[in-house]
């Protein structure tokens, strides 16, 4: 028997809120898209960002994950790559690659964006300004 491996790991941002449907066998299927970006220098020496969209399918996700998978959220997804075909409404056969998720880890807490915005300075550097008159416990 030959050894083979089909494993993909991505970290990116959701393009839109996840969508969940239920199969006739009462199993939930959640789908969402994740954008990953690759930066490189082009021939002219300028930085270019290339974005790749990944279609993700997850089976039987809990409500926690469905609430966390909102547009713009950063997420880690691990799973296997699958290809399938279907016929669209015009009768044209289409092919699609999907990442069938085995593991999903939301990388942002529910209040992370709001607290990050509050703590950053006006230049957006993310530094926290401390009043020098505050009493420090150390």
N, C-alpha and C. Protein backbone atom coordinates (compact mmCIF):
# COMPACT_ATOMS: atom_id res chain seq x y z
N UNK A 1 0.84 -1.18 0.00
CA UNK A 1 0.00 0.00 0.00
C UNK A 1 0.88 1.24 0.00
N UNK A 2 0.61 2.17 -0.89
CA UNK A 2 1.39 3.40 -1.00
C UNK A 2 0.92 4.41 0.03
N UNK A 3 1.86 5.18 0.54
CA UNK A 3 1.56 6.22 1.50
C UNK A 3 1.11 7.47 0.76
N UNK A 4 0.09 8.14 1.27
CA UNK A 4 -0.34 9.41 0.70
C UNK A 4 -0.78 10.34 1.81
N UNK A 5 -0.79 11.61 1.52
CA UNK A 5 -1.17 12.61 2.51
C UNK A 5 -1.95 13.72 1.81
N UNK A 6 -3.09 14.06 2.38
CA UNK A 6 -3.91 15.16 1.87
C UNK A 6 -4.24 16.03 3.07
N UNK A 7 -3.44 17.05 3.31
CA UNK A 7 -3.59 17.91 4.48
C UNK A 7 -3.33 19.36 4.08
N UNK A 8 -4.21 20.24 4.51
CA UNK A 8 -4.03 21.66 4.25
C UNK A 8 -4.26 22.43 5.54
N UNK A 9 -3.46 23.49 5.74
CA UNK A 9 -3.60 24.37 6.89
C UNK A 9 -3.56 25.80 6.38
N UNK A 10 -4.57 26.58 6.73
CA UNK A 10 -4.61 27.97 6.29
C UNK A 10 -4.97 28.87 7.47
N UNK A 11 -4.48 30.09 7.41
CA UNK A 11 -4.88 31.15 8.33
C UNK A 11 -5.27 32.33 7.46
N UNK A 12 -6.48 32.83 7.67
CA UNK A 12 -6.94 33.94 6.87
C UNK A 12 -8.18 34.58 7.46
N UNK A 13 -8.83 35.41 6.67
CA UNK A 13 -10.02 36.13 7.11
C UNK A 13 -11.23 35.67 6.31
N UNK A 14 -12.37 35.59 7.01
CA UNK A 14 -13.61 35.20 6.35
C UNK A 14 -14.10 36.30 5.44
N UNK A 15 -14.56 35.92 4.25
CA UNK A 15 -15.07 36.88 3.28
C UNK A 15 -16.50 37.29 3.56
N UNK A 16 -17.27 36.43 4.22
CA UNK A 16 -18.65 36.73 4.60
C UNK A 16 -19.04 35.79 5.72
N UNK A 17 -20.17 36.04 6.35
CA UNK A 17 -20.64 35.18 7.42
C UNK A 17 -20.84 33.76 6.90
N UNK A 18 -20.62 32.78 7.78
CA UNK A 18 -20.80 31.39 7.38
C UNK A 18 -22.29 31.10 7.12
N UNK A 19 -22.54 30.11 6.29
CA UNK A 19 -23.90 29.69 5.98
C UNK A 19 -24.06 28.23 6.39
N UNK A 20 -25.15 27.93 7.09
CA UNK A 20 -25.40 26.57 7.56
C UNK A 20 -26.71 26.06 7.00
N UNK A 21 -26.69 24.83 6.54
CA UNK A 21 -27.91 24.16 6.10
C UNK A 21 -27.93 22.77 6.74
N UNK A 22 -29.06 22.12 6.67
CA UNK A 22 -29.21 20.80 7.28
C UNK A 22 -29.56 19.80 6.18
N UNK A 23 -28.87 18.67 6.17
CA UNK A 23 -29.13 17.63 5.18
C UNK A 23 -30.42 16.89 5.53
N UNK A 24 -30.96 16.10 4.60
CA UNK A 24 -32.16 15.30 4.91
C UNK A 24 -31.95 14.33 6.08
N UNK A 25 -30.69 13.97 6.36
CA UNK A 25 -30.37 13.10 7.49
C UNK A 25 -30.16 13.87 8.78
N UNK A 26 -30.53 15.16 8.79
CA UNK A 26 -30.44 16.02 9.97
C UNK A 26 -29.00 16.26 10.44
N UNK A 27 -28.08 16.41 9.49
CA UNK A 27 -26.69 16.73 9.79
C UNK A 27 -26.43 18.13 9.26
N UNK A 28 -25.84 19.00 10.08
CA UNK A 28 -25.59 20.38 9.64
C UNK A 28 -24.30 20.46 8.82
N UNK A 29 -24.35 21.27 7.78
CA UNK A 29 -23.21 21.53 6.92
C UNK A 29 -23.01 23.04 6.88
N UNK A 30 -21.84 23.48 7.31
CA UNK A 30 -21.53 24.91 7.32
C UNK A 30 -20.48 25.19 6.26
N UNK A 31 -20.73 26.22 5.46
CA UNK A 31 -19.78 26.62 4.43
C UNK A 31 -19.38 28.08 4.62
N UNK A 32 -18.14 28.37 4.29
CA UNK A 32 -17.64 29.75 4.36
C UNK A 32 -16.40 29.85 3.49
N UNK A 33 -16.00 31.07 3.17
CA UNK A 33 -14.80 31.28 2.37
C UNK A 33 -13.76 32.03 3.20
N UNK A 34 -12.50 31.65 3.00
CA UNK A 34 -11.40 32.26 3.72
C UNK A 34 -10.40 32.82 2.71
N UNK A 35 -9.98 34.06 2.92
CA UNK A 35 -8.99 34.70 2.05
C UNK A 35 -7.62 34.63 2.71
N UNK A 36 -6.64 34.16 1.96
CA UNK A 36 -5.25 34.20 2.41
C UNK A 36 -4.49 35.11 1.46
N UNK A 37 -3.48 35.78 1.96
CA UNK A 37 -2.72 36.74 1.16
C UNK A 37 -1.25 36.37 1.16
N UNK A 38 -0.66 36.42 -0.01
CA UNK A 38 0.77 36.14 -0.19
C UNK A 38 1.41 37.39 -0.75
N UNK A 39 2.43 37.89 -0.09
CA UNK A 39 3.12 39.09 -0.56
C UNK A 39 4.48 38.76 -1.15
N UNK A 40 4.81 39.41 -2.26
CA UNK A 40 6.10 39.19 -2.91
C UNK A 40 6.49 40.45 -3.69
N UNK A 41 7.77 40.51 -4.05
CA UNK A 41 8.25 41.63 -4.87
C UNK A 41 8.12 41.24 -6.33
N UNK A 42 7.51 42.12 -7.12
CA UNK A 42 7.35 41.84 -8.55
C UNK A 42 8.63 42.21 -9.31
N UNK A 43 8.59 42.12 -10.63
CA UNK A 43 9.78 42.39 -11.47
C UNK A 43 10.31 43.81 -11.30
N UNK A 44 9.40 44.76 -11.02
CA UNK A 44 9.82 46.15 -10.85
C UNK A 44 10.35 46.42 -9.45
N UNK A 45 10.30 45.43 -8.55
CA UNK A 45 10.78 45.61 -7.20
C UNK A 45 9.75 46.14 -6.23
N UNK A 46 8.49 46.23 -6.66
CA UNK A 46 7.41 46.70 -5.80
C UNK A 46 6.72 45.52 -5.14
N UNK A 47 6.24 45.73 -3.92
CA UNK A 47 5.53 44.68 -3.22
C UNK A 47 4.15 44.48 -3.82
N UNK A 48 3.79 43.24 -4.05
CA UNK A 48 2.49 42.87 -4.60
C UNK A 48 1.84 41.86 -3.67
N UNK A 49 0.57 42.06 -3.36
CA UNK A 49 -0.18 41.11 -2.55
C UNK A 49 -1.11 40.31 -3.45
N UNK A 50 -1.07 39.00 -3.31
CA UNK A 50 -1.91 38.11 -4.08
C UNK A 50 -2.86 37.40 -3.12
N UNK A 51 -4.15 37.58 -3.32
CA UNK A 51 -5.15 36.98 -2.44
C UNK A 51 -5.73 35.73 -3.09
N UNK A 52 -5.82 34.66 -2.30
CA UNK A 52 -6.42 33.41 -2.75
C UNK A 52 -7.62 33.11 -1.88
N UNK A 53 -8.74 32.75 -2.50
CA UNK A 53 -9.96 32.42 -1.77
C UNK A 53 -10.10 30.91 -1.67
N UNK A 54 -10.42 30.44 -0.47
CA UNK A 54 -10.58 29.01 -0.21
C UNK A 54 -12.01 28.75 0.25
N UNK A 55 -12.68 27.80 -0.39
CA UNK A 55 -14.01 27.38 0.03
C UNK A 55 -13.85 26.30 1.10
N UNK A 56 -14.50 26.50 2.24
CA UNK A 56 -14.37 25.57 3.37
C UNK A 56 -15.73 24.96 3.68
N UNK A 57 -15.72 23.66 3.95
CA UNK A 57 -16.93 22.93 4.34
C UNK A 57 -16.65 22.28 5.69
N UNK A 58 -17.56 22.49 6.64
CA UNK A 58 -17.43 21.89 7.98
C UNK A 58 -18.73 21.19 8.33
N UNK A 59 -18.62 20.00 8.86
CA UNK A 59 -19.79 19.20 9.22
C UNK A 59 -20.04 19.27 10.71
N UNK A 60 -21.29 19.42 11.09
CA UNK A 60 -21.76 19.36 12.49
C UNK A 60 -21.04 20.34 13.41
N UNK A 61 -20.95 21.60 13.01
CA UNK A 61 -20.33 22.61 13.86
C UNK A 61 -21.28 23.02 14.98
N UNK A 62 -20.71 23.36 16.12
CA UNK A 62 -21.52 23.83 17.25
C UNK A 62 -21.92 25.29 17.02
N UNK A 63 -22.84 25.76 17.84
CA UNK A 63 -23.29 27.15 17.75
C UNK A 63 -22.15 28.12 18.03
N UNK A 64 -21.22 27.75 18.91
CA UNK A 64 -20.07 28.60 19.22
C UNK A 64 -19.30 28.95 17.95
N UNK A 65 -19.00 27.95 17.14
CA UNK A 65 -18.25 28.19 15.91
C UNK A 65 -19.06 29.00 14.91
N UNK A 66 -20.33 28.69 14.78
CA UNK A 66 -21.15 29.42 13.82
C UNK A 66 -21.26 30.89 14.20
N UNK A 67 -21.25 31.21 15.49
CA UNK A 67 -21.27 32.61 15.93
C UNK A 67 -19.92 33.29 15.71
N UNK A 68 -18.83 32.53 15.81
CA UNK A 68 -17.49 33.10 15.66
C UNK A 68 -17.11 33.31 14.20
N UNK A 69 -17.74 32.58 13.30
CA UNK A 69 -17.38 32.65 11.88
C UNK A 69 -18.15 33.75 11.17
N UNK A 70 -17.77 34.98 11.45
CA UNK A 70 -18.40 36.17 10.87
C UNK A 70 -17.44 36.84 9.91
N UNK A 71 -17.98 37.64 9.01
CA UNK A 71 -17.18 38.34 8.00
C UNK A 71 -16.03 39.11 8.65
N UNK A 72 -14.83 38.92 8.10
CA UNK A 72 -13.65 39.62 8.57
C UNK A 72 -12.90 38.92 9.68
N UNK A 73 -13.50 37.93 10.33
CA UNK A 73 -12.84 37.24 11.45
C UNK A 73 -11.64 36.44 10.96
N UNK A 74 -10.57 36.46 11.75
CA UNK A 74 -9.38 35.68 11.43
C UNK A 74 -9.57 34.27 11.99
N UNK A 75 -9.21 33.26 11.18
CA UNK A 75 -9.46 31.88 11.57
C UNK A 75 -8.36 30.96 11.04
N UNK A 76 -8.09 29.90 11.80
CA UNK A 76 -7.18 28.83 11.38
C UNK A 76 -8.05 27.64 11.00
N UNK A 77 -7.81 27.07 9.82
CA UNK A 77 -8.57 25.91 9.37
C UNK A 77 -7.58 24.84 8.93
N UNK A 78 -7.83 23.62 9.39
CA UNK A 78 -7.01 22.48 9.01
C UNK A 78 -7.94 21.39 8.49
N UNK A 79 -7.54 20.74 7.42
CA UNK A 79 -8.38 19.69 6.87
C UNK A 79 -7.78 19.09 5.62
N UNK A 80 -8.65 18.53 4.76
CA UNK A 80 -8.20 17.89 3.53
C UNK A 80 -8.83 18.59 2.33
N UNK A 81 -8.13 18.54 1.21
CA UNK A 81 -8.62 19.15 -0.02
C UNK A 81 -9.45 18.12 -0.77
N UNK A 82 -10.61 18.57 -1.22
CA UNK A 82 -11.52 17.71 -1.97
C UNK A 82 -11.97 18.43 -3.24
N UNK A 83 -12.15 17.66 -4.30
CA UNK A 83 -12.66 18.22 -5.56
C UNK A 83 -14.01 17.59 -5.84
N UNK A 84 -14.91 18.39 -6.39
CA UNK A 84 -16.20 17.85 -6.80
C UNK A 84 -16.67 18.60 -8.03
N UNK A 85 -17.63 18.00 -8.70
CA UNK A 85 -18.21 18.66 -9.87
C UNK A 85 -19.71 18.73 -9.71
N UNK A 86 -20.30 19.68 -10.40
CA UNK A 86 -21.74 19.85 -10.39
C UNK A 86 -22.15 20.49 -11.71
N UNK A 87 -23.42 20.42 -12.02
CA UNK A 87 -23.95 21.03 -13.23
C UNK A 87 -24.77 22.24 -12.83
N UNK A 88 -24.42 23.41 -13.39
CA UNK A 88 -25.15 24.63 -13.04
C UNK A 88 -26.50 24.67 -13.76
N UNK A 89 -27.26 25.72 -13.53
CA UNK A 89 -28.62 25.81 -14.06
C UNK A 89 -28.66 25.92 -15.58
N UNK A 90 -27.52 26.30 -16.19
CA UNK A 90 -27.46 26.36 -17.65
C UNK A 90 -26.99 25.05 -18.28
N UNK A 91 -26.76 24.03 -17.43
CA UNK A 91 -26.33 22.74 -17.93
C UNK A 91 -24.84 22.61 -18.14
N UNK A 92 -24.07 23.57 -17.65
CA UNK A 92 -22.61 23.54 -17.80
C UNK A 92 -22.01 22.84 -16.59
N UNK A 93 -21.12 21.89 -16.87
CA UNK A 93 -20.46 21.16 -15.78
C UNK A 93 -19.36 22.05 -15.18
N UNK A 94 -19.40 22.23 -13.87
CA UNK A 94 -18.44 23.06 -13.14
C UNK A 94 -17.65 22.19 -12.17
N UNK A 95 -16.42 22.61 -11.89
CA UNK A 95 -15.55 21.90 -10.95
C UNK A 95 -15.19 22.84 -9.81
N UNK A 96 -15.07 22.27 -8.62
CA UNK A 96 -14.83 23.08 -7.44
C UNK A 96 -13.88 22.35 -6.49
N UNK A 97 -12.93 23.09 -5.94
CA UNK A 97 -12.05 22.56 -4.89
C UNK A 97 -12.52 23.11 -3.55
N UNK A 98 -12.51 22.27 -2.54
CA UNK A 98 -12.96 22.67 -1.21
C UNK A 98 -11.98 22.14 -0.17
N UNK A 99 -11.94 22.83 0.94
CA UNK A 99 -11.19 22.36 2.10
C UNK A 99 -12.20 21.80 3.08
N UNK A 100 -12.17 20.48 3.29
CA UNK A 100 -13.07 19.83 4.24
C UNK A 100 -12.41 19.94 5.60
N UNK A 101 -13.00 20.73 6.49
CA UNK A 101 -12.37 21.08 7.77
C UNK A 101 -12.42 19.93 8.77
N UNK A 102 -11.26 19.67 9.37
CA UNK A 102 -11.16 18.76 10.51
C UNK A 102 -11.03 19.56 11.81
N UNK A 103 -10.36 20.71 11.70
CA UNK A 103 -10.10 21.54 12.88
C UNK A 103 -10.28 23.00 12.50
N UNK A 104 -11.01 23.74 13.34
CA UNK A 104 -11.21 25.18 13.14
C UNK A 104 -10.89 25.87 14.46
N UNK A 105 -10.05 26.91 14.39
CA UNK A 105 -9.72 27.67 15.59
C UNK A 105 -9.93 29.15 15.29
N UNK A 106 -10.95 29.77 15.91
CA UNK A 106 -11.10 31.23 15.75
C UNK A 106 -9.89 31.91 16.40
N UNK A 107 -9.29 32.85 15.72
CA UNK A 107 -8.08 33.50 16.23
C UNK A 107 -8.35 34.86 16.85
N UNK A 108 -9.61 35.25 16.92
CA UNK A 108 -9.99 36.49 17.56
C UNK A 108 -11.11 36.20 18.54
N UNK A 109 -10.99 36.78 19.74
CA UNK A 109 -12.08 36.66 20.70
C UNK A 109 -13.22 37.58 20.30
N UNK A 110 -14.32 37.48 20.99
CA UNK A 110 -15.50 38.27 20.63
C UNK A 110 -15.26 39.77 20.75
N UNK A 111 -14.45 40.21 21.72
CA UNK A 111 -14.24 41.64 21.91
C UNK A 111 -12.88 42.12 21.46
N UNK A 112 -12.12 41.29 20.77
CA UNK A 112 -10.75 41.66 20.41
C UNK A 112 -10.67 42.91 19.54
N UNK A 113 -11.51 43.03 18.54
CA UNK A 113 -11.42 44.18 17.64
C UNK A 113 -11.75 45.48 18.37
N UNK A 114 -12.77 45.47 19.20
CA UNK A 114 -13.15 46.70 19.92
C UNK A 114 -12.06 47.10 20.90
N UNK A 115 -11.50 46.13 21.64
CA UNK A 115 -10.48 46.48 22.61
C UNK A 115 -9.19 46.91 21.93
N UNK A 116 -8.89 46.35 20.75
CA UNK A 116 -7.70 46.76 20.02
C UNK A 116 -7.86 48.19 19.51
N UNK A 117 -9.05 48.53 19.05
CA UNK A 117 -9.29 49.89 18.57
C UNK A 117 -9.18 50.90 19.70
N UNK A 118 -9.68 50.56 20.89
CA UNK A 118 -9.64 51.48 22.02
C UNK A 118 -8.23 51.72 22.52
N UNK A 119 -7.36 50.69 22.42
CA UNK A 119 -6.03 50.82 22.99
C UNK A 119 -5.02 51.41 22.02
N UNK A 120 -5.36 51.57 20.74
CA UNK A 120 -4.37 52.09 19.80
C UNK A 120 -4.37 53.61 19.82
N UNK A 121 -3.22 54.16 19.47
CA UNK A 121 -3.11 55.61 19.46
C UNK A 121 -3.63 56.16 18.14
N UNK A 122 -3.59 57.49 17.99
CA UNK A 122 -4.18 58.13 16.82
C UNK A 122 -3.44 57.78 15.53
N UNK A 123 -2.16 57.40 15.59
CA UNK A 123 -1.42 57.03 14.39
C UNK A 123 -1.67 55.58 14.01
N UNK A 124 -2.37 54.83 14.84
CA UNK A 124 -2.67 53.45 14.52
C UNK A 124 -1.52 52.49 14.74
N UNK A 125 -0.54 52.89 15.59
CA UNK A 125 0.60 52.02 15.81
C UNK A 125 0.31 50.93 16.82
N UNK A 126 -0.80 51.02 17.54
CA UNK A 126 -1.16 49.99 18.50
C UNK A 126 -0.52 50.17 19.86
N UNK A 127 0.22 51.27 20.08
CA UNK A 127 0.84 51.46 21.39
C UNK A 127 -0.18 52.01 22.38
N UNK A 128 0.00 51.64 23.62
CA UNK A 128 -0.91 52.08 24.68
C UNK A 128 -0.26 53.24 25.40
N UNK A 129 -1.01 54.32 25.58
CA UNK A 129 -0.48 55.48 26.27
C UNK A 129 -0.88 55.40 27.74
N UNK A 130 0.10 55.58 28.61
CA UNK A 130 -0.14 55.52 30.05
C UNK A 130 0.09 56.90 30.63
N UNK A 131 -0.83 57.35 31.46
CA UNK A 131 -0.70 58.64 32.13
C UNK A 131 0.41 58.51 33.17
N UNK A 132 1.37 59.41 33.13
CA UNK A 132 2.52 59.32 34.04
C UNK A 132 2.12 59.59 35.49
N UNK A 133 0.93 60.14 35.76
CA UNK A 133 0.50 60.40 37.11
C UNK A 133 -0.18 59.21 37.78
N UNK A 134 -0.39 58.14 37.01
CA UNK A 134 -1.03 56.95 37.59
C UNK A 134 -0.10 56.28 38.57
N UNK A 135 -0.66 55.75 39.65
CA UNK A 135 0.13 54.97 40.59
C UNK A 135 0.29 53.55 40.07
N UNK A 136 1.53 53.11 39.97
CA UNK A 136 1.78 51.77 39.50
C UNK A 136 2.01 50.86 40.70
N UNK A 137 1.50 49.62 40.67
CA UNK A 137 1.62 48.73 41.82
C UNK A 137 2.99 48.10 41.99
N UNK A 138 3.98 48.50 41.23
CA UNK A 138 5.32 47.92 41.37
C UNK A 138 6.39 48.96 41.33
